[in-house]
Amino acid sequence: YVTSWEDYRVDAGGIACYSSTDLYNWEPEGVALAAETSDTSS
């Protein structure tokens, strides 16, 4: 439905969280906020 420019997207799977003490090495902490898959108005 976007015709004025090439709009490419990937479905979002929520918000991930990683933690680090040195900004080089990141530990996955899991999904901080899950995506809504059934309510298209959300």
All heavy atoms as atom14 arrays in JSON, in Angstrom:
{
  "sequence": "YVTSWEDYRVDAGGIACYSSTDLYNWEPEGVALAAETSDTSS",
  "atom14_mask": [
    [1, 1, 1, 1, 1, 1, 1, 1, 1, 1, 1, 1, 0, 0],
    [1, 1, 1, 1, 1, 1, 1, 0, 0, 0, 0, 0, 0, 0],
    [1, 1, 1, 1, 1, 1, 1, 0, 0, 0, 0, 0, 0, 0],
    [1, 1, 1, 1, 1, 1, 0, 0, 0, 0, 0, 0, 0, 0],
    [1, 1, 1, 1, 1, 1, 1, 1, 1, 1, 1, 1, 1, 1],
    [1, 1, 1, 1, 1, 1, 1, 1, 1, 0, 0, 0, 0, 0],
    [1, 1, 1, 1, 1, 1, 1, 1, 0, 0, 0, 0, 0, 0],
    [1, 1, 1, 1, 1, 1, 1, 1, 1, 1, 1, 1, 0, 0],
    [1, 1, 1, 1, 1, 1, 1, 1, 1, 1, 1, 0, 0, 0],
    [1, 1, 1, 1, 1, 1, 1, 0, 0, 0, 0, 0, 0, 0],
    [1, 1, 1, 1, 1, 1, 1, 1, 0, 0, 0, 0, 0, 0],
    [1, 1, 1, 1, 1, 0, 0, 0, 0, 0, 0, 0, 0, 0],
    [1, 1, 1, 1, 0, 0, 0, 0, 0, 0, 0, 0, 0, 0],
    [1, 1, 1, 1, 0, 0, 0, 0, 0, 0, 0, 0, 0, 0],
    [1, 1, 1, 1, 1, 1, 1, 1, 0, 0, 0, 0, 0, 0],
    [1, 1, 1, 1, 1, 0, 0, 0, 0, 0, 0, 0, 0, 0],
    [1, 1, 1, 1, 1, 1, 0, 0, 0, 0, 0, 0, 0, 0],
    [1, 1, 1, 1, 1, 1, 1, 1, 1, 1, 1, 1, 0, 0],
    [1, 1, 1, 1, 1, 1, 0, 0, 0, 0, 0, 0, 0, 0],
    [1, 1, 1, 1, 1, 1, 0, 0, 0, 0, 0, 0, 0, 0],
    [1, 1, 1, 1, 1, 1, 1, 0, 0, 0, 0, 0, 0, 0],
    [1, 1, 1, 1, 1, 1, 1, 1, 0, 0, 0, 0, 0, 0],
    [1, 1, 1, 1, 1, 1, 1, 1, 0, 0, 0, 0, 0, 0],
    [1, 1, 1, 1, 1, 1, 1, 1, 1, 1, 1, 1, 0, 0],
    [1, 1, 1, 1, 1, 1, 1, 1, 0, 0, 0, 0, 0, 0],
    [1, 1, 1, 1, 1, 1, 1, 1, 1, 1, 1, 1, 1, 1],
    [1, 1, 1, 1, 1, 1, 1, 1, 1, 0, 0, 0, 0, 0],
    [1, 1, 1, 1, 1, 1, 1, 0, 0, 0, 0, 0, 0, 0],
    [1, 1, 1, 1, 1, 1, 1, 1, 1, 0, 0, 0, 0, 0],
    [1, 1, 1, 1, 0, 0, 0, 0, 0, 0, 0, 0, 0, 0],
    [1, 1, 1, 1, 1, 1, 1, 0, 0, 0, 0, 0, 0, 0],
    [1, 1, 1, 1, 1, 0, 0, 0, 0, 0, 0, 0, 0, 0],
    [1, 1, 1, 1, 1, 1, 1, 1, 0, 0, 0, 0, 0, 0],
    [1, 1, 1, 1, 1, 0, 0, 0, 0, 0, 0, 0, 0, 0],
    [1, 1, 1, 1, 1, 0, 0, 0, 0, 0, 0, 0, 0, 0],
    [1, 1, 1, 1, 1, 1, 1, 1, 1, 0, 0, 0, 0, 0],
    [1, 1, 1, 1, 1, 1, 1, 0, 0, 0, 0, 0, 0, 0],
    [1, 1, 1, 1, 1, 1, 0, 0, 0, 0, 0, 0, 0, 0],
    [1, 1, 1, 1, 1, 1, 1, 1, 0, 0, 0, 0, 0, 0],
    [1, 1, 1, 1, 1, 1, 1, 0, 0, 0, 0, 0, 0, 0],
    [1, 1, 1, 1, 1, 1, 0, 0, 0, 0, 0, 0, 0, 0],
    [1, 1, 1, 1, 1, 1, 0, 0, 0, 0, 0, 0, 0, 0]
  ],
  "atom14_positions": [
    [[0.8, -1.22, 0.0], [0.0, 0.0, 0.0], [0.84, 1.28, 0.0], [0.31, 2.37, -0.21], [-0.99, 0.01, 1.18], [-0.35, 0.01, 2.55], [0.07, 1.2, 3.15], [-0.16, -1.17, 3.24], [0.65, 1.2, 4.4], [0.42, -1.19, 4.49], [0.82, 0.01, 5.07], [1.41, 0.0, 6.31], [0.0, 0.0, 0.0], [0.0, 0.0, 0.0]],
    [[2.14, 1.18, 0.21], [3.01, 2.36, 0.13], [3.55, 2.43, -1.29], [4.29, 1.55, -1.74], [4.18, 2.26, 1.14], [5.11, 3.46, 1.0], [3.65, 2.17, 2.56], [0.0, 0.0, 0.0], [0.0, 0.0, 0.0], [0.0, 0.0, 0.0], [0.0, 0.0, 0.0], [0.0, 0.0, 0.0], [0.0, 0.0, 0.0], [0.0, 0.0, 0.0]],
    [[3.18, 3.5, -2.01], [3.56, 3.6, -3.43], [4.54, 4.74, -3.7], [5.11, 4.81, -4.77], [2.31, 3.79, -4.31], [1.61, 4.97, -3.87], [1.4, 2.58, -4.21], [0.0, 0.0, 0.0], [0.0, 0.0, 0.0], [0.0, 0.0, 0.0], [0.0, 0.0, 0.0], [0.0, 0.0, 0.0], [0.0, 0.0, 0.0], [0.0, 0.0, 0.0]],
    [[4.74, 5.64, -2.74], [5.61, 6.79, -2.98], [7.09, 6.45, -2.81], [7.95, 7.22, -3.23], [5.23, 7.93, -2.04], [5.36, 7.52, -0.69], [0.0, 0.0, 0.0], [0.0, 0.0, 0.0], [0.0, 0.0, 0.0], [0.0, 0.0, 0.0], [0.0, 0.0, 0.0], [0.0, 0.0, 0.0], [0.0, 0.0, 0.0], [0.0, 0.0, 0.0]],
    [[7.4, 5.31, -2.2], [8.78, 4.87, -2.04], [8.77, 3.36, -1.76], [7.72, 2.77, -1.51], [9.49, 5.64, -0.93], [8.84, 5.56, 0.43], [7.66, 6.14, 0.81], [9.3, 4.85, 1.56], [7.37, 5.83, 2.11], [8.37, 5.05, 2.61], [10.42, 4.08, 1.83], [8.52, 4.48, 3.87], [10.57, 3.54, 3.09], [9.63, 3.74, 4.08]],
    [[9.91, 2.73, -1.86], [9.99, 1.29, -1.63], [10.1, 1.02, -0.13], [11.13, 1.23, 0.47], [11.19, 0.69, -2.37], [11.03, 0.72, -3.87], [12.18, 0.03, -4.58], [12.95, -0.69, -3.94], [12.29, 0.23, -5.79], [0.0, 0.0, 0.0], [0.0, 0.0, 0.0], [0.0, 0.0, 0.0], [0.0, 0.0, 0.0], [0.0, 0.0, 0.0]],
    [[9.01, 0.57, 0.46], [8.92, 0.33, 1.9], [8.99, -1.18, 2.16], [8.06, -1.9, 1.87], [7.6, 0.91, 2.42], [7.48, 0.82, 3.93], [8.41, 0.33, 4.59], [6.44, 1.24, 4.46], [0.0, 0.0, 0.0], [0.0, 0.0, 0.0], [0.0, 0.0, 0.0], [0.0, 0.0, 0.0], [0.0, 0.0, 0.0], [0.0, 0.0, 0.0]],
    [[10.13, -1.63, 2.7], [10.32, -3.04, 3.02], [10.27, -3.22, 4.52], [10.82, -2.41, 5.28], [11.66, -3.54, 2.49], [11.7, -3.6, 0.98], [12.12, -2.51, 0.23], [11.28, -4.74, 0.31], [12.14, -2.56, -1.16], [11.3, -4.8, -1.08], [11.74, -3.71, -1.8], [11.75, -3.77, -3.17], [0.0, 0.0, 0.0], [0.0, 0.0, 0.0]],
    [[9.64, -4.29, 4.97], [9.5, -4.54, 6.4], [9.66, -6.02, 6.72], [9.47, -6.88, 5.88], [8.13, -4.07, 6.9], [7.92, -2.59, 6.7], [6.66, -2.12, 7.32], [6.44, -0.72, 6.99], [5.37, -0.06, 7.32], [4.41, -0.64, 7.99], [5.24, 1.21, 6.97], [0.0, 0.0, 0.0], [0.0, 0.0, 0.0], [0.0, 0.0, 0.0]],
    [[9.98, -6.24, 7.99], [10.06, -7.59, 8.56], [9.17, -7.57, 9.79], [9.19, -6.61, 10.56], [11.51, -7.94, 8.96], [11.57, -9.28, 9.67], [12.41, -7.93, 7.75], [0.0, 0.0, 0.0], [0.0, 0.0, 0.0], [0.0, 0.0, 0.0], [0.0, 0.0, 0.0], [0.0, 0.0, 0.0], [0.0, 0.0, 0.0], [0.0, 0.0, 0.0]],
    [[8.4, -8.63, 9.98], [7.56, -8.7, 11.18], [8.41, -8.59, 12.43], [9.49, -9.17, 12.52], [6.77, -10.0, 11.2], [5.64, -10.03, 10.19], [5.28, -8.94, 9.68], [5.13, -11.12, 9.91], [0.0, 0.0, 0.0], [0.0, 0.0, 0.0], [0.0, 0.0, 0.0], [0.0, 0.0, 0.0], [0.0, 0.0, 0.0], [0.0, 0.0, 0.0]],
    [[7.9, -7.85, 13.4], [8.6, -7.68, 14.67], [8.16, -8.79, 15.63], [7.0, -9.16, 15.67], [8.29, -6.31, 15.27], [0.0, 0.0, 0.0], [0.0, 0.0, 0.0], [0.0, 0.0, 0.0], [0.0, 0.0, 0.0], [0.0, 0.0, 0.0], [0.0, 0.0, 0.0], [0.0, 0.0, 0.0], [0.0, 0.0, 0.0], [0.0, 0.0, 0.0]],
    [[9.12, -9.28, 16.39], [8.82, -10.34, 17.33], [8.84, -9.87, 18.77], [9.01, -10.67, 19.68], [0.0, 0.0, 0.0], [0.0, 0.0, 0.0], [0.0, 0.0, 0.0], [0.0, 0.0, 0.0], [0.0, 0.0, 0.0], [0.0, 0.0, 0.0], [0.0, 0.0, 0.0], [0.0, 0.0, 0.0], [0.0, 0.0, 0.0], [0.0, 0.0, 0.0]],
    [[8.7, -8.57, 18.98], [8.73, -8.03, 20.33], [10.01, -7.25, 20.59], [10.71, -6.86, 19.66], [0.0, 0.0, 0.0], [0.0, 0.0, 0.0], [0.0, 0.0, 0.0], [0.0, 0.0, 0.0], [0.0, 0.0, 0.0], [0.0, 0.0, 0.0], [0.0, 0.0, 0.0], [0.0, 0.0, 0.0], [0.0, 0.0, 0.0], [0.0, 0.0, 0.0]],
    [[10.32, -7.03, 21.86], [11.5, -6.28, 22.27], [12.43, -7.22, 23.04], [12.04, -7.81, 24.05], [11.13, -5.07, 23.16], [10.14, -4.16, 22.44], [12.38, -4.32, 23.6], [10.67, -3.52, 21.18], [0.0, 0.0, 0.0], [0.0, 0.0, 0.0], [0.0, 0.0, 0.0], [0.0, 0.0, 0.0], [0.0, 0.0, 0.0], [0.0, 0.0, 0.0]],
    [[13.66, -7.34, 22.55], [14.67, -8.18, 23.2], [15.44, -7.36, 24.23], [15.53, -6.13, 24.11], [15.65, -8.73, 22.17], [0.0, 0.0, 0.0], [0.0, 0.0, 0.0], [0.0, 0.0, 0.0], [0.0, 0.0, 0.0], [0.0, 0.0, 0.0], [0.0, 0.0, 0.0], [0.0, 0.0, 0.0], [0.0, 0.0, 0.0], [0.0, 0.0, 0.0]],
    [[16.01, -8.04, 25.2], [16.86, -7.4, 26.2], [18.17, -8.18, 26.3], [18.18, -9.4, 26.37], [16.17, -7.37, 27.55], [17.17, -6.6, 28.85], [0.0, 0.0, 0.0], [0.0, 0.0, 0.0], [0.0, 0.0, 0.0], [0.0, 0.0, 0.0], [0.0, 0.0, 0.0], [0.0, 0.0, 0.0], [0.0, 0.0, 0.0], [0.0, 0.0, 0.0]],
    [[19.27, -7.43, 26.29], [20.61, -7.98, 26.49], [21.27, -7.17, 27.6], [20.95, -5.99, 27.78], [21.46, -7.85, 25.22], [20.96, -8.67, 24.06], [19.97, -8.19, 23.21], [21.48, -9.93, 23.81], [19.51, -8.94, 22.15], [21.03, -10.69, 22.75], [20.05, -10.19, 21.92], [19.6, -10.94, 20.86], [0.0, 0.0, 0.0], [0.0, 0.0, 0.0]],
    [[22.21, -7.77, 28.33], [22.93, -7.04, 29.38], [24.43, -7.2, 29.19], [24.9, -8.2, 28.63], [22.52, -7.56, 30.76], [22.93, -8.89, 30.93], [0.0, 0.0, 0.0], [0.0, 0.0, 0.0], [0.0, 0.0, 0.0], [0.0, 0.0, 0.0], [0.0, 0.0, 0.0], [0.0, 0.0, 0.0], [0.0, 0.0, 0.0], [0.0, 0.0, 0.0]],
    [[25.17, -6.19, 29.67], [26.63, -6.2, 29.53], [27.25, -5.32, 30.61], [26.65, -4.33, 31.04], [27.02, -5.65, 28.15], [28.42, -5.51, 28.04], [0.0, 0.0, 0.0], [0.0, 0.0, 0.0], [0.0, 0.0, 0.0], [0.0, 0.0, 0.0], [0.0, 0.0, 0.0], [0.0, 0.0, 0.0], [0.0, 0.0, 0.0], [0.0, 0.0, 0.0]],
    [[28.45, -5.65, 31.0], [29.2, -4.79, 31.93], [30.29, -4.02, 31.21], [30.87, -3.11, 31.78], [29.83, -5.62, 33.07], [30.66, -6.63, 32.5], [28.75, -6.26, 33.93], [0.0, 0.0, 0.0], [0.0, 0.0, 0.0], [0.0, 0.0, 0.0], [0.0, 0.0, 0.0], [0.0, 0.0, 0.0], [0.0, 0.0, 0.0], [0.0, 0.0, 0.0]],
    [[30.57, -4.39, 29.93], [31.68, -3.76, 29.22], [31.33, -3.22, 27.83], [32.2, -2.69, 27.14], [32.85, -4.73, 29.11], [32.52, -5.98, 28.3], [31.42, -6.06, 27.71], [33.37, -6.89, 28.28], [0.0, 0.0, 0.0], [0.0, 0.0, 0.0], [0.0, 0.0, 0.0], [0.0, 0.0, 0.0], [0.0, 0.0, 0.0], [0.0, 0.0, 0.0]],
    [[30.09, -3.35, 27.4], [29.6, -2.91, 26.09], [30.16, -3.7, 24.91], [29.87, -3.39, 23.77], [29.85, -1.4, 25.87], [29.13, -0.46, 26.82], [29.55, 0.98, 26.57], [27.62, -0.59, 26.67], [0.0, 0.0, 0.0], [0.0, 0.0, 0.0], [0.0, 0.0, 0.0], [0.0, 0.0, 0.0], [0.0, 0.0, 0.0], [0.0, 0.0, 0.0]],
    [[30.97, -4.71, 25.17], [31.49, -5.58, 24.12], [30.78, -6.94, 24.13], [30.53, -7.51, 23.1], [32.99, -5.84, 24.31], [33.87, -4.65, 24.06], [34.52, -4.02, 25.1], [34.07, -4.16, 22.77], [35.35, -2.93, 24.88], [34.88, -3.07, 22.54], [35.52, -2.46, 23.6], [36.33, -1.38, 23.37], [0.0, 0.0, 0.0], [0.0, 0.0, 0.0]],
    [[30.54, -7.45, 25.31], [29.99, -8.79, 25.49], [28.59, -8.69, 26.05], [28.37, -8.07, 27.09], [30.9, -9.59, 26.43], [32.29, -9.7, 25.87], [32.52, -10.45, 24.93], [33.23, -8.93, 26.39], [0.0, 0.0, 0.0], [0.0, 0.0, 0.0], [0.0, 0.0, 0.0], [0.0, 0.0, 0.0], [0.0, 0.0, 0.0], [0.0, 0.0, 0.0]],
    [[27.64, -9.31, 25.35], [26.23, -9.15, 25.68], [25.59, -10.5, 26.02], [25.69, -11.44, 25.25], [25.49, -8.48, 24.53], [25.94, -7.07, 24.35], [26.94, -6.62, 23.54], [25.44, -5.95, 25.05], [27.08, -5.27, 23.68], [26.17, -4.82, 24.61], [24.45, -5.76, 26.01], [25.93, -3.55, 25.09], [24.2, -4.48, 26.48], [24.94, -3.39, 26.02]],
    [[24.92, -10.53, 27.14], [24.21, -11.72, 27.61], [22.73, -11.57, 27.24], [22.1, -10.56, 27.59], [24.35, -11.81, 29.13], [23.66, -13.0, 29.75], [24.39, -14.3, 29.48], [25.61, -14.28, 29.23], [23.71, -15.34, 29.52], [0.0, 0.0, 0.0], [0.0, 0.0, 0.0], [0.0, 0.0, 0.0], [0.0, 0.0, 0.0], [0.0, 0.0, 0.0]],
    [[22.14, -12.55, 26.54], [20.71, -12.44, 26.23], [19.87, -12.61, 27.49], [20.05, -13.57, 28.24], [20.47, -13.59, 25.24], [21.57, -14.56, 25.49], [22.74, -13.78, 26.01], [0.0, 0.0, 0.0], [0.0, 0.0, 0.0], [0.0, 0.0, 0.0], [0.0, 0.0, 0.0], [0.0, 0.0, 0.0], [0.0, 0.0, 0.0], [0.0, 0.0, 0.0]],
    [[18.97, -11.67, 27.73], [18.1, -11.71, 28.91], [16.69, -12.15, 28.56], [15.86, -12.31, 29.44], [18.07, -10.34, 29.59], [19.41, -9.85, 30.1], [19.93, -10.65, 31.28], [19.16, -11.4, 31.91], [21.13, -10.52, 31.58], [0.0, 0.0, 0.0], [0.0, 0.0, 0.0], [0.0, 0.0, 0.0], [0.0, 0.0, 0.0], [0.0, 0.0, 0.0]],
    [[16.41, -12.3, 27.27], [15.09, -12.75, 26.84], [14.25, -11.65, 26.23], [14.74, -10.57, 25.91], [0.0, 0.0, 0.0], [0.0, 0.0, 0.0], [0.0, 0.0, 0.0], [0.0, 0.0, 0.0], [0.0, 0.0, 0.0], [0.0, 0.0, 0.0], [0.0, 0.0, 0.0], [0.0, 0.0, 0.0], [0.0, 0.0, 0.0], [0.0, 0.0, 0.0]],
    [[12.98, -11.92, 26.08], [12.03, -10.96, 25.49], [11.47, -10.09, 26.61], [10.85, -10.58, 27.54], [10.9, -11.69, 24.75], [9.88, -10.7, 24.2], [11.46, -12.55, 23.62], [0.0, 0.0, 0.0], [0.0, 0.0, 0.0], [0.0, 0.0, 0.0], [0.0, 0.0, 0.0], [0.0, 0.0, 0.0], [0.0, 0.0, 0.0], [0.0, 0.0, 0.0]],
    [[11.71, -8.78, 26.51], [11.23, -7.84, 27.53], [9.77, -7.47, 27.3], [9.04, -7.19, 28.25], [12.09, -6.58, 27.52], [0.0, 0.0, 0.0], [0.0, 0.0, 0.0], [0.0, 0.0, 0.0], [0.0, 0.0, 0.0], [0.0, 0.0, 0.0], [0.0, 0.0, 0.0], [0.0, 0.0, 0.0], [0.0, 0.0, 0.0], [0.0, 0.0, 0.0]],
    [[9.36, -7.48, 26.04], [7.98, -7.13, 25.69], [7.6, -7.94, 24.44], [8.22, -7.77, 23.39], [7.86, -5.62, 25.41], [6.49, -5.07, 25.1], [5.54, -5.26, 26.28], [6.59, -3.59, 24.75], [0.0, 0.0, 0.0], [0.0, 0.0, 0.0], [0.0, 0.0, 0.0], [0.0, 0.0, 0.0], [0.0, 0.0, 0.0], [0.0, 0.0, 0.0]],
    [[6.64, -8.82, 24.59], [6.24, -9.69, 23.48], [5.37, -8.95, 22.48], [4.63, -8.03, 22.84], [5.5, -10.91, 24.02], [0.0, 0.0, 0.0], [0.0, 0.0, 0.0], [0.0, 0.0, 0.0], [0.0, 0.0, 0.0], [0.0, 0.0, 0.0], [0.0, 0.0, 0.0], [0.0, 0.0, 0.0], [0.0, 0.0, 0.0], [0.0, 0.0, 0.0]],
    [[5.44, -9.37, 21.24], [4.58, -8.81, 20.19], [3.17, -9.37, 20.34], [2.97, -10.48, 20.82], [5.13, -9.18, 18.82], [0.0, 0.0, 0.0], [0.0, 0.0, 0.0], [0.0, 0.0, 0.0], [0.0, 0.0, 0.0], [0.0, 0.0, 0.0], [0.0, 0.0, 0.0], [0.0, 0.0, 0.0], [0.0, 0.0, 0.0], [0.0, 0.0, 0.0]],
    [[2.21, -8.59, 19.91], [0.8, -9.02, 19.89], [0.55, -9.63, 18.52], [0.71, -8.97, 17.5], [-0.12, -7.83, 20.12], [-1.58, -8.1, 19.9], [-2.13, -9.22, 20.77], [-2.01, -9.13, 22.01], [-2.68, -10.18, 20.2], [0.0, 0.0, 0.0], [0.0, 0.0, 0.0], [0.0, 0.0, 0.0], [0.0, 0.0, 0.0], [0.0, 0.0, 0.0]],
    [[0.17, -10.89, 18.48], [0.01, -11.56, 17.18], [-1.44, -11.67, 16.71], [-1.68, -11.89, 15.53], [0.61, -12.99, 17.25], [-0.02, -13.7, 18.31], [2.11, -12.93, 17.48], [0.0, 0.0, 0.0], [0.0, 0.0, 0.0], [0.0, 0.0, 0.0], [0.0, 0.0, 0.0], [0.0, 0.0, 0.0], [0.0, 0.0, 0.0], [0.0, 0.0, 0.0]],
    [[-2.4, -11.48, 17.62], [-3.8, -11.68, 17.2], [-4.58, -10.39, 17.01], [-5.48, -10.32, 16.18], [-4.52, -12.59, 18.19], [-4.45, -12.05, 19.5], [0.0, 0.0, 0.0], [0.0, 0.0, 0.0], [0.0, 0.0, 0.0], [0.0, 0.0, 0.0], [0.0, 0.0, 0.0], [0.0, 0.0, 0.0], [0.0, 0.0, 0.0], [0.0, 0.0, 0.0]],
    [[-4.28, -9.34, 17.75], [-5.03, -8.08, 17.68], [-4.32, -7.11, 16.74], [-3.36, -6.46, 17.11], [-5.17, -7.46, 19.07], [-5.97, -6.18, 19.1], [-6.48, -5.77, 18.03], [-6.06, -5.57, 20.17], [0.0, 0.0, 0.0], [0.0, 0.0, 0.0], [0.0, 0.0, 0.0], [0.0, 0.0, 0.0], [0.0, 0.0, 0.0], [0.0, 0.0, 0.0]],
    [[-4.83, -7.0, 15.51], [-4.17, -6.13, 14.51], [-4.28, -4.65, 14.84], [-3.56, -3.84, 14.28], [-4.77, -6.39, 13.11], [-6.18, -6.15, 13.15], [-4.48, -7.8, 12.64], [0.0, 0.0, 0.0], [0.0, 0.0, 0.0], [0.0, 0.0, 0.0], [0.0, 0.0, 0.0], [0.0, 0.0, 0.0], [0.0, 0.0, 0.0], [0.0, 0.0, 0.0]],
    [[-5.17, -4.25, 15.76], [-5.29, -2.84, 16.13], [-4.33, -2.46, 17.26], [-4.2, -1.28, 17.59], [-6.73, -2.51, 16.54], [-7.07, -3.21, 17.73], [0.0, 0.0, 0.0], [0.0, 0.0, 0.0], [0.0, 0.0, 0.0], [0.0, 0.0, 0.0], [0.0, 0.0, 0.0], [0.0, 0.0, 0.0], [0.0, 0.0, 0.0], [0.0, 0.0, 0.0]],
    [[-3.66, -3.43, 17.84], [-2.74, -3.16, 18.94], [-1.46, -2.49, 18.45], [-0.93, -2.86, 17.39], [-2.37, -4.47, 19.64], [-1.31, -4.25, 20.56], [0.0, 0.0, 0.0], [0.0, 0.0, 0.0], [0.0, 0.0, 0.0], [0.0, 0.0, 0.0], [0.0, 0.0, 0.0], [0.0, 0.0, 0.0], [0.0, 0.0, 0.0], [0.0, 0.0, 0.0]]
  ]
}
